[in-house]
Amino acid sequence: MSDSPAPLADPHLVFDAVEGRRDLVILGSTGSIGTQAIDLVLRNPDRFRVTALSAAGGRVALLAEQARRLRVRTVAVASPEVVPALREALRKEYGAGEQPPEILAGPDAATELAGSDCHTVLNGITGSIGLAPTLAALKAGRTLALANKESLIVGGPLVKALAAPGQIIPVDSEHAALFQALAAGKRADVRRLVVTASGGPFRGRTRSELADVTREQALNHPTWAMGPVITVNSATLVNKGLEVIEAHLLYDIPFDRIEVVVHPQSYVHSMVEFTDGSTLAQATPPDMRGPIAIGLGWPQRVPDAAPAFDWTKASTWEFYPLDTEAFPSVGLARHVGTLGGTAPAVFNAANEECVDAFLDGRLAFNGIMDTVTAVVSEHGTPPAGTSLTVTDVLEAEAWARTRARELSAKATAEARA
């Protein structure tokens, strides 16, 4: 291993570890990660207390219910237009004489909460809009339970400049697995990281067989219940490409020592191979409450956070090499991760636009990666020796989104001609 700085996520170095109940801020509370985190908190009131919640604003009734059950001080929504509906939902949830929480609204509301007084911020926001809250939490000195992989990917150097060793605890199932397996050895003894992939709903299909897959087929994930964007990313394996970049940034392991293997059962969430030939795998039945519990509670474990295996029943665990021709996303992610600069932001933003186009029926499934590849190619190689700024990231994303929309529209028009 090199003598580079300590990795961002290090199980041996836990930032500001404390005993007793931890105050939490949950960003993205009405999404998949947020709702499961709240379930975990409500089952462990002696360990966790939630002080604030943020959400996009599309599910105000659920947000109001969460606020009342958790008795939070503040709720935030990204859309000011939903504030009247949220106030009404809170009025229905809270009884006479009860004080409802303060409401923050606007695109910077989640960022304000991320820097508020608490022990841990769980960033469960989907997409690169999670970058500003990630930076705010780190700058404020909070422990960051990071489920928003995009913020690390698009703003890697910015995050690394702010994060103290051990300040970030990963919440993705794959990175929580690597985090735990790495606790068993020294960093110098790590030979490679092995990131597992379920293979999504289209495992085993060739590129030509993917040409006509539908939205409904792509959203029918065989293992995980997730939001539509993440589910499509699992179908294209873009999520795995993003996780390779994330693993490189979190653990300071070179790209050529991070591999992807397909494991349909999703029992083994990832593995660490050490220099003596030993491989340590972290395994649980598929359930995100386990990784969430690691993010919120480490270095302590939360009893019964998620189901365990029933070893009295027979089971088969399979592993397959990745089909890089049918699923070129991982190779492209390695490429943009190696380029650095704004290239990962371009990759991520173009993909988000293309996924939206696919979900709306405006782009074929194979067109997602074809278009993303074209946008990345047009972006080219970032200038060497330049430092990354938030403005650089935002400008690169804006260009990538515009160009992805243009190219996807052109591809659709040509396909219909």
Protein backbone atom coordinates (compact mmCIF):
# COMPACT_ATOMS: atom_id res chain seq x y z
CA MET A 1 0.00 0.00 0.00
CA SER A 2 1.06 3.59 -0.52
CA ASP A 3 1.79 6.06 2.25
CA SER A 4 -1.24 8.14 1.27
CA PRO A 5 -3.52 9.68 3.91
CA ALA A 6 -5.92 7.56 5.94
CA PRO A 7 -9.00 6.53 3.94
CA LEU A 8 -12.23 8.48 4.37
CA ALA A 9 -14.02 5.45 5.78
CA ASP A 10 -11.87 3.57 8.28
CA PRO A 11 -13.45 1.16 10.80
CA HIS A 12 -10.41 1.57 13.06
CA LEU A 13 -10.88 5.36 13.24
CA VAL A 14 -14.34 6.48 14.25
CA PHE A 15 -14.90 10.22 14.35
CA ASP A 16 -16.24 11.52 17.67
CA ALA A 17 -17.46 8.15 18.92
CA VAL A 18 -19.65 8.54 22.02
CA GLU A 19 -21.58 6.30 24.36
CA GLY A 20 -25.25 6.82 25.09
CA ARG A 21 -28.10 8.02 22.91
CA ARG A 22 -27.13 9.75 19.68
CA ASP A 23 -28.99 12.70 18.20
CA LEU A 24 -29.63 12.20 14.48
CA VAL A 25 -30.66 14.30 11.51
CA ILE A 26 -32.21 12.24 8.70
CA LEU A 27 -32.11 13.68 5.18
CA GLY A 28 -34.44 12.01 2.71
CA SER A 29 -36.71 10.71 5.46
CA THR A 30 -39.62 9.67 3.23
CA GLY A 31 -37.46 7.62 0.87
CA SER A 32 -36.40 4.00 1.17
CA ILE A 33 -33.32 4.63 3.32
CA GLY A 34 -35.07 7.21 5.46
CA THR A 35 -38.13 5.11 6.25
CA GLN A 36 -36.01 2.10 7.19
CA ALA A 37 -33.77 4.28 9.35
CA ILE A 38 -36.82 5.58 11.18
CA ASP A 39 -38.02 2.03 11.76
CA LEU A 40 -34.64 1.27 13.32
CA VAL A 41 -34.77 4.39 15.51
CA LEU A 42 -38.28 3.68 16.76
CA ARG A 43 -37.19 0.17 17.78
CA ASN A 44 -34.15 1.56 19.62
CA PRO A 45 -35.24 4.72 21.47
CA ASP A 46 -32.52 4.21 24.08
CA ARG A 47 -29.83 4.49 21.36
CA PHE A 48 -31.13 7.11 18.96
CA ARG A 49 -33.16 10.32 18.94
CA VAL A 50 -34.04 12.18 15.74
CA THR A 51 -33.95 15.97 15.99
CA ALA A 52 -34.75 16.93 12.38
CA LEU A 53 -36.06 15.47 9.12
CA SER A 54 -35.84 16.59 5.51
CA ALA A 55 -37.65 15.39 2.40
CA ALA A 56 -38.23 16.51 -1.17
CA GLY A 57 -41.87 17.29 -0.38
CA GLY A 58 -43.80 14.77 -2.43
CA ARG A 59 -45.14 12.86 0.60
CA VAL A 60 -46.12 15.49 3.14
CA ALA A 61 -48.56 13.24 5.02
CA LEU A 62 -45.81 10.70 5.67
CA LEU A 63 -43.36 13.45 6.64
CA ALA A 64 -45.86 14.87 9.13
CA GLU A 65 -46.49 11.41 10.60
CA GLN A 66 -42.74 10.82 10.96
CA ALA A 67 -42.30 14.22 12.64
CA ARG A 68 -45.02 13.46 15.18
CA ARG A 69 -43.83 9.93 15.96
CA LEU A 70 -40.25 11.10 16.43
CA ARG A 71 -41.12 14.44 18.08
CA VAL A 72 -38.54 16.28 15.98
CA ARG A 73 -37.74 19.96 16.38
CA THR A 74 -37.50 20.78 12.67
CA VAL A 75 -38.73 19.48 9.31
CA ALA A 76 -37.46 20.68 5.95
CA VAL A 77 -38.80 20.36 2.42
CA ALA A 78 -37.02 21.21 -0.82
CA SER A 79 -40.17 22.62 -2.43
CA PRO A 80 -41.62 25.79 -0.83
CA GLU A 81 -44.87 25.18 -2.73
CA VAL A 82 -45.79 22.26 -0.46
CA VAL A 83 -45.47 24.20 2.81
CA PRO A 84 -49.24 24.90 3.10
CA ALA A 85 -50.00 21.21 2.60
CA LEU A 86 -47.32 20.27 5.12
CA ARG A 87 -48.71 22.69 7.70
CA GLU A 88 -52.14 21.15 7.26
CA ALA A 89 -50.73 17.62 7.55
CA LEU A 90 -48.91 18.59 10.74
CA ARG A 91 -52.07 20.16 12.14
CA LYS A 92 -53.89 16.86 11.66
CA GLU A 93 -51.08 14.89 13.31
CA TYR A 94 -50.58 17.09 16.37
CA GLY A 95 -53.23 17.44 19.05
CA ALA A 96 -54.52 20.63 20.65
CA GLY A 97 -51.86 22.27 22.75
CA GLU A 98 -49.01 20.33 21.08
CA GLN A 99 -46.22 22.28 19.44
CA PRO A 100 -45.54 21.21 15.84
CA PRO A 101 -41.97 21.42 14.52
CA GLU A 102 -40.40 24.38 12.81
CA ILE A 103 -40.60 24.22 9.00
CA LEU A 104 -37.71 25.07 6.68
CA ALA A 105 -38.31 25.20 2.92
CA GLY A 106 -36.24 25.68 -0.20
CA PRO A 107 -33.34 24.09 -2.06
CA ASP A 108 -30.92 24.88 0.79
CA ALA A 109 -33.15 23.59 3.61
CA ALA A 110 -31.55 20.14 3.80
CA THR A 111 -28.10 21.74 3.77
CA GLU A 112 -29.07 23.91 6.73
CA LEU A 113 -30.25 20.86 8.66
CA ALA A 114 -27.04 18.97 7.81
CA GLY A 115 -25.04 21.58 9.72
CA SER A 116 -27.39 21.72 12.70
CA ASP A 117 -26.64 20.48 16.21
CA CYS A 118 -26.57 16.67 16.28
CA HIS A 119 -24.14 13.75 16.49
CA THR A 120 -24.81 12.01 13.15
CA VAL A 121 -26.31 13.12 9.84
CA LEU A 122 -27.78 10.33 7.70
CA ASN A 123 -27.69 11.55 4.10
CA GLY A 124 -30.31 9.41 2.37
CA ILE A 125 -31.00 11.88 -0.44
CA THR A 126 -30.92 10.43 -3.96
CA GLY A 127 -28.79 12.15 -6.58
CA SER A 128 -26.03 14.73 -6.72
CA ILE A 129 -28.23 17.30 -4.95
CA GLY A 130 -26.92 15.55 -1.83
CA LEU A 131 -23.46 17.13 -2.30
CA ALA A 132 -24.16 20.39 -0.48
CA PRO A 133 -25.65 18.64 2.60
CA THR A 134 -22.68 16.24 2.66
CA LEU A 135 -20.22 19.14 2.67
CA ALA A 136 -22.25 21.00 5.30
CA ALA A 137 -22.30 18.01 7.67
CA LEU A 138 -18.56 17.49 7.32
CA LYS A 139 -17.79 21.17 7.77
CA ALA A 140 -19.93 21.26 10.93
CA GLY A 141 -17.99 18.30 12.35
CA ARG A 142 -20.86 15.82 12.29
CA THR A 143 -20.39 12.11 11.78
CA LEU A 144 -21.76 11.43 8.30
CA ALA A 145 -23.67 8.21 7.67
CA LEU A 146 -23.45 8.34 3.88
CA ALA A 147 -26.08 6.66 1.74
CA ASN A 148 -25.89 9.37 -0.93
CA LYS A 149 -23.07 7.91 -3.02
CA GLU A 150 -23.48 10.55 -5.72
CA SER A 151 -22.23 13.35 -3.47
CA LEU A 152 -18.93 11.55 -2.94
CA ILE A 153 -18.61 10.61 -6.59
CA VAL A 154 -19.26 14.05 -8.09
CA GLY A 155 -17.41 15.95 -5.37
CA GLY A 156 -14.69 13.53 -4.35
CA PRO A 157 -11.84 16.04 -3.84
CA LEU A 158 -14.19 18.46 -2.06
CA VAL A 159 -15.36 15.75 0.33
CA LYS A 160 -11.83 14.49 0.94
CA ALA A 161 -10.65 18.01 1.75
CA LEU A 162 -13.25 18.39 4.51
CA ALA A 163 -13.59 14.92 6.00
CA ALA A 164 -11.60 13.99 9.08
CA PRO A 165 -10.37 10.38 9.35
CA GLY A 166 -13.26 8.21 10.46
CA GLN A 167 -15.86 10.95 10.02
CA ILE A 168 -17.68 9.10 7.21
CA ILE A 169 -19.47 5.80 7.82
CA PRO A 170 -20.81 4.26 4.57
CA VAL A 171 -24.41 3.05 4.44
CA ASP A 172 -24.53 1.34 1.03
CA SER A 173 -24.77 -2.40 1.64
CA GLU A 174 -21.60 -3.01 -0.37
CA HIS A 175 -19.53 -0.36 1.37
CA ALA A 176 -20.85 -1.21 4.80
CA ALA A 177 -19.71 -4.76 4.03
CA LEU A 178 -16.23 -3.62 3.00
CA PHE A 179 -16.09 -1.36 6.04
CA GLN A 180 -16.77 -4.27 8.37
CA ALA A 181 -14.44 -6.70 6.60
CA LEU A 182 -11.63 -4.15 6.65
CA ALA A 183 -11.91 -4.01 10.44
CA ALA A 184 -10.39 -7.50 10.55
CA GLY A 185 -6.98 -6.51 9.20
CA LYS A 186 -4.44 -3.80 8.56
CA ARG A 187 -4.71 -1.54 5.57
CA ALA A 188 -1.25 -2.60 4.39
CA ASP A 189 -2.43 -6.22 4.21
CA VAL A 190 -5.32 -5.56 1.79
CA ARG A 191 -4.75 -7.04 -1.66
CA ARG A 192 -8.06 -6.14 -3.31
CA LEU A 193 -11.70 -5.28 -2.75
CA VAL A 194 -14.42 -7.41 -4.33
CA VAL A 195 -17.73 -5.62 -4.80
CA THR A 196 -20.70 -7.91 -5.36
CA ALA A 197 -23.59 -7.18 -7.73
CA SER A 198 -26.95 -8.93 -7.87
CA GLY A 199 -26.86 -8.62 -11.65
CA GLY A 200 -30.25 -6.91 -11.62
CA PRO A 201 -33.30 -8.16 -13.51
CA PHE A 202 -31.36 -8.74 -16.73
CA ARG A 203 -28.50 -10.93 -15.54
CA GLY A 204 -27.48 -13.37 -18.25
CA ARG A 205 -28.94 -11.40 -21.15
CA THR A 206 -26.80 -10.29 -24.08
CA ARG A 207 -26.68 -6.71 -25.30
CA SER A 208 -28.98 -7.53 -28.22
CA GLU A 209 -31.49 -9.12 -25.83
CA LEU A 210 -31.57 -5.88 -23.83
CA ALA A 211 -32.58 -3.73 -26.80
CA ASP A 212 -36.32 -3.92 -26.21
CA VAL A 213 -36.68 -4.32 -22.46
CA THR A 214 -39.46 -2.27 -20.91
CA ARG A 215 -39.72 0.13 -18.00
CA GLU A 216 -41.72 -2.43 -16.04
CA GLN A 217 -39.11 -5.12 -16.60
CA ALA A 218 -36.27 -2.82 -15.53
CA LEU A 219 -38.12 -1.88 -12.34
CA ASN A 220 -38.73 -5.52 -11.39
CA HIS A 221 -35.60 -6.04 -9.32
CA PRO A 222 -35.26 -9.67 -8.15
CA THR A 223 -33.80 -8.85 -4.72
CA TRP A 224 -34.10 -5.25 -3.54
CA ALA A 225 -37.05 -2.86 -3.18
CA MET A 226 -35.69 0.59 -4.10
CA GLY A 227 -36.71 3.82 -5.79
CA PRO A 228 -37.08 3.88 -9.60
CA VAL A 229 -33.80 5.66 -10.39
CA ILE A 230 -31.70 3.36 -8.20
CA THR A 231 -33.56 0.33 -9.55
CA VAL A 232 -32.81 1.27 -13.17
CA ASN A 233 -29.19 1.94 -12.17
CA SER A 234 -29.12 -1.61 -10.83
CA ALA A 235 -30.51 -2.91 -14.13
CA THR A 236 -27.79 -1.13 -16.14
CA LEU A 237 -25.20 -1.83 -13.41
CA VAL A 238 -24.42 1.89 -13.31
CA ASN A 239 -24.91 1.59 -9.56
CA LYS A 240 -22.01 -0.85 -9.48
CA GLY A 241 -19.84 1.51 -11.48
CA LEU A 242 -20.63 4.29 -9.03
CA GLU A 243 -19.78 1.95 -6.15
CA VAL A 244 -16.38 1.18 -7.67
CA ILE A 245 -15.60 4.91 -7.74
CA GLU A 246 -16.97 5.23 -4.21
CA ALA A 247 -14.82 2.35 -2.96
CA HIS A 248 -11.73 3.96 -4.47
CA LEU A 249 -12.49 7.26 -2.72
CA LEU A 250 -13.59 5.80 0.62
CA TYR A 251 -10.81 3.27 1.09
CA ASP A 252 -7.98 4.71 -1.01
CA ILE A 253 -7.58 1.50 -3.04
CA PRO A 254 -6.46 1.82 -6.70
CA PHE A 255 -9.04 1.03 -9.37
CA ASP A 256 -7.07 -1.96 -10.65
CA ARG A 257 -7.50 -3.60 -7.24
CA ILE A 258 -11.28 -3.22 -7.07
CA GLU A 259 -13.22 -5.99 -8.80
CA VAL A 260 -16.92 -6.63 -9.42
CA VAL A 261 -18.46 -10.09 -9.24
CA VAL A 262 -22.09 -11.04 -9.85
CA HIS A 263 -23.81 -12.74 -6.92
CA PRO A 264 -27.55 -13.20 -7.68
CA GLN A 265 -28.63 -14.11 -4.15
CA SER A 266 -27.29 -10.83 -2.67
CA TYR A 267 -26.30 -12.65 0.52
CA VAL A 268 -22.61 -11.67 0.37
CA HIS A 269 -22.55 -7.88 0.16
CA SER A 270 -18.84 -7.54 -0.64
CA MET A 271 -15.46 -9.05 0.22
CA VAL A 272 -11.91 -8.08 1.13
CA GLU A 273 -9.00 -10.21 -0.01
CA PHE A 274 -5.84 -9.95 2.08
CA THR A 275 -2.24 -10.55 1.03
CA ASP A 276 -2.08 -13.94 2.77
CA GLY A 277 -4.83 -15.27 0.45
CA SER A 278 -7.64 -14.97 2.99
CA THR A 279 -10.92 -13.48 1.82
CA LEU A 280 -13.37 -12.07 4.35
CA ALA A 281 -16.99 -11.73 3.25
CA GLN A 282 -19.78 -9.90 5.05
CA ALA A 283 -23.09 -11.71 4.60
CA THR A 284 -26.69 -11.15 5.69
CA PRO A 285 -30.08 -11.67 4.07
CA PRO A 286 -30.87 -8.68 1.82
CA ASP A 287 -32.10 -5.95 4.18
CA MET A 288 -30.87 -2.35 4.29
CA ARG A 289 -31.54 -1.94 8.00
CA GLY A 290 -28.27 -3.74 8.74
CA PRO A 291 -26.07 -1.26 6.83
CA ILE A 292 -28.13 1.63 8.21
CA ALA A 293 -27.49 0.38 11.75
CA ILE A 294 -23.75 0.28 11.04
CA GLY A 295 -23.90 3.86 9.79
CA LEU A 296 -25.81 5.14 12.80
CA GLY A 297 -24.29 3.07 15.58
CA TRP A 298 -20.68 2.19 14.75
CA PRO A 299 -18.50 1.10 16.55
CA GLN A 300 -21.39 -0.35 18.55
CA ARG A 301 -23.73 -2.81 16.87
CA VAL A 302 -27.51 -2.57 17.16
CA PRO A 303 -29.01 -5.90 18.30
CA ASP A 304 -31.59 -7.39 15.92
CA ALA A 305 -31.22 -4.52 13.47
CA ALA A 306 -31.98 -6.90 10.60
CA PRO A 307 -32.77 -10.61 10.09
CA ALA A 308 -30.01 -13.23 10.32
CA PHE A 309 -29.60 -16.44 8.33
CA ASP A 310 -31.38 -19.62 9.28
CA TRP A 311 -28.48 -22.05 8.99
CA THR A 312 -30.77 -25.06 9.45
CA LYS A 313 -32.00 -24.54 5.88
CA ALA A 314 -29.97 -25.44 2.79
CA SER A 315 -29.05 -22.63 0.43
CA THR A 316 -26.91 -22.12 -2.67
CA TRP A 317 -24.68 -19.09 -3.17
CA GLU A 318 -23.50 -18.40 -6.73
CA PHE A 319 -20.82 -16.11 -8.15
CA TYR A 320 -20.29 -15.17 -11.81
CA PRO A 321 -17.91 -12.90 -13.71
CA LEU A 322 -19.31 -9.61 -14.95
CA ASP A 323 -20.43 -9.47 -18.60
CA THR A 324 -18.68 -6.24 -19.62
CA GLU A 325 -20.10 -6.28 -23.16
CA ALA A 326 -23.74 -6.34 -22.09
CA PHE A 327 -23.06 -4.05 -19.14
CA PRO A 328 -20.29 -1.57 -20.05
CA SER A 329 -21.15 0.82 -17.22
CA VAL A 330 -18.56 -0.48 -14.76
CA GLY A 331 -15.72 -0.05 -17.24
CA LEU A 332 -16.88 3.45 -18.10
CA ALA A 333 -17.08 4.31 -14.40
CA ARG A 334 -13.49 3.16 -13.89
CA HIS A 335 -12.50 5.39 -16.79
CA VAL A 336 -14.18 8.53 -15.44
CA GLY A 337 -12.95 7.76 -11.93
CA THR A 338 -9.39 7.60 -13.24
CA LEU A 339 -9.87 10.86 -15.15
CA GLY A 340 -11.12 12.58 -12.02
CA GLY A 341 -11.99 16.26 -11.97
CA THR A 342 -15.49 16.87 -13.29
CA ALA A 343 -15.63 13.62 -15.29
CA PRO A 344 -17.50 11.66 -12.56
CA ALA A 345 -20.02 14.51 -12.26
CA VAL A 346 -20.60 14.41 -16.01
CA PHE A 347 -21.04 10.63 -15.92
CA ASN A 348 -23.54 10.80 -13.06
CA ALA A 349 -25.56 13.73 -14.38
CA ALA A 350 -25.81 12.31 -17.88
CA ASN A 351 -26.95 9.01 -16.45
CA GLU A 352 -29.65 10.66 -14.32
CA GLU A 353 -31.04 12.42 -17.39
CA CYS A 354 -30.96 9.25 -19.46
CA VAL A 355 -32.68 7.22 -16.75
CA ASP A 356 -35.44 9.84 -16.62
CA ALA A 357 -35.78 9.60 -20.40
CA PHE A 358 -35.99 5.81 -20.22
CA LEU A 359 -38.61 5.90 -17.45
CA ASP A 360 -40.64 8.37 -19.54
CA GLY A 361 -40.44 6.14 -22.61
CA ARG A 362 -38.21 8.58 -24.50
CA LEU A 363 -35.06 6.42 -24.67
CA ALA A 364 -34.36 2.72 -25.17
CA PHE A 365 -32.65 0.77 -22.40
CA ASN A 366 -29.37 0.34 -24.29
CA GLY A 367 -29.59 4.02 -25.18
CA ILE A 368 -28.90 4.91 -21.56
CA MET A 369 -25.28 3.80 -21.61
CA ASP A 370 -24.77 4.68 -25.28
CA THR A 371 -25.76 8.26 -24.54
CA VAL A 372 -23.79 8.49 -21.30
CA THR A 373 -20.71 7.17 -23.10
CA ALA A 374 -21.10 9.80 -25.82
CA VAL A 375 -21.47 12.62 -23.28
CA VAL A 376 -18.40 11.47 -21.35
CA SER A 377 -16.42 11.27 -24.58
CA GLU A 378 -17.42 14.80 -25.59
CA HIS A 379 -16.48 16.11 -22.17
CA GLY A 380 -12.94 14.83 -22.66
CA THR A 381 -10.12 14.82 -20.13
CA PRO A 382 -10.22 17.43 -17.35
CA PRO A 383 -7.20 19.77 -17.27
CA ALA A 384 -4.39 18.39 -15.15
CA GLY A 385 -3.41 20.14 -11.95
CA THR A 386 -6.63 22.12 -11.51
CA SER A 387 -8.50 22.08 -8.21
CA LEU A 388 -12.19 21.19 -8.18
CA THR A 389 -14.80 23.65 -6.90
CA VAL A 390 -18.53 23.32 -6.29
CA THR A 391 -19.08 25.73 -9.20
CA ASP A 392 -17.04 23.42 -11.46
CA VAL A 393 -19.25 20.49 -10.48
CA LEU A 394 -22.49 22.39 -11.01
CA GLU A 395 -21.41 23.75 -14.40
CA ALA A 396 -20.24 20.32 -15.57
CA GLU A 397 -23.50 18.75 -14.45
CA ALA A 398 -25.58 21.40 -16.20
CA TRP A 399 -23.68 20.87 -19.45
CA ALA A 400 -23.94 17.08 -19.15
CA ARG A 401 -27.69 17.18 -18.52
CA THR A 402 -28.30 19.45 -21.49
CA ARG A 403 -26.12 17.36 -23.80
CA ALA A 404 -27.67 14.10 -22.58
CA ARG A 405 -31.16 15.44 -23.32
CA GLU A 406 -30.06 16.53 -26.79
CA LEU A 407 -28.43 13.21 -27.65
CA SER A 408 -31.23 11.09 -26.21
CA ALA A 409 -33.81 13.05 -28.18
CA LYS A 410 -31.75 12.58 -31.33
CA ALA A 411 -31.42 8.84 -30.71
CA THR A 412 -35.15 8.49 -30.19
CA ALA A 413 -35.93 10.45 -33.34
CA GLU A 414 -33.54 8.31 -35.40
CA ALA A 415 -35.05 5.10 -33.96
CA ARG A 416 -38.54 6.21 -34.95
CA ALA A 417 -37.55 7.40 -38.43
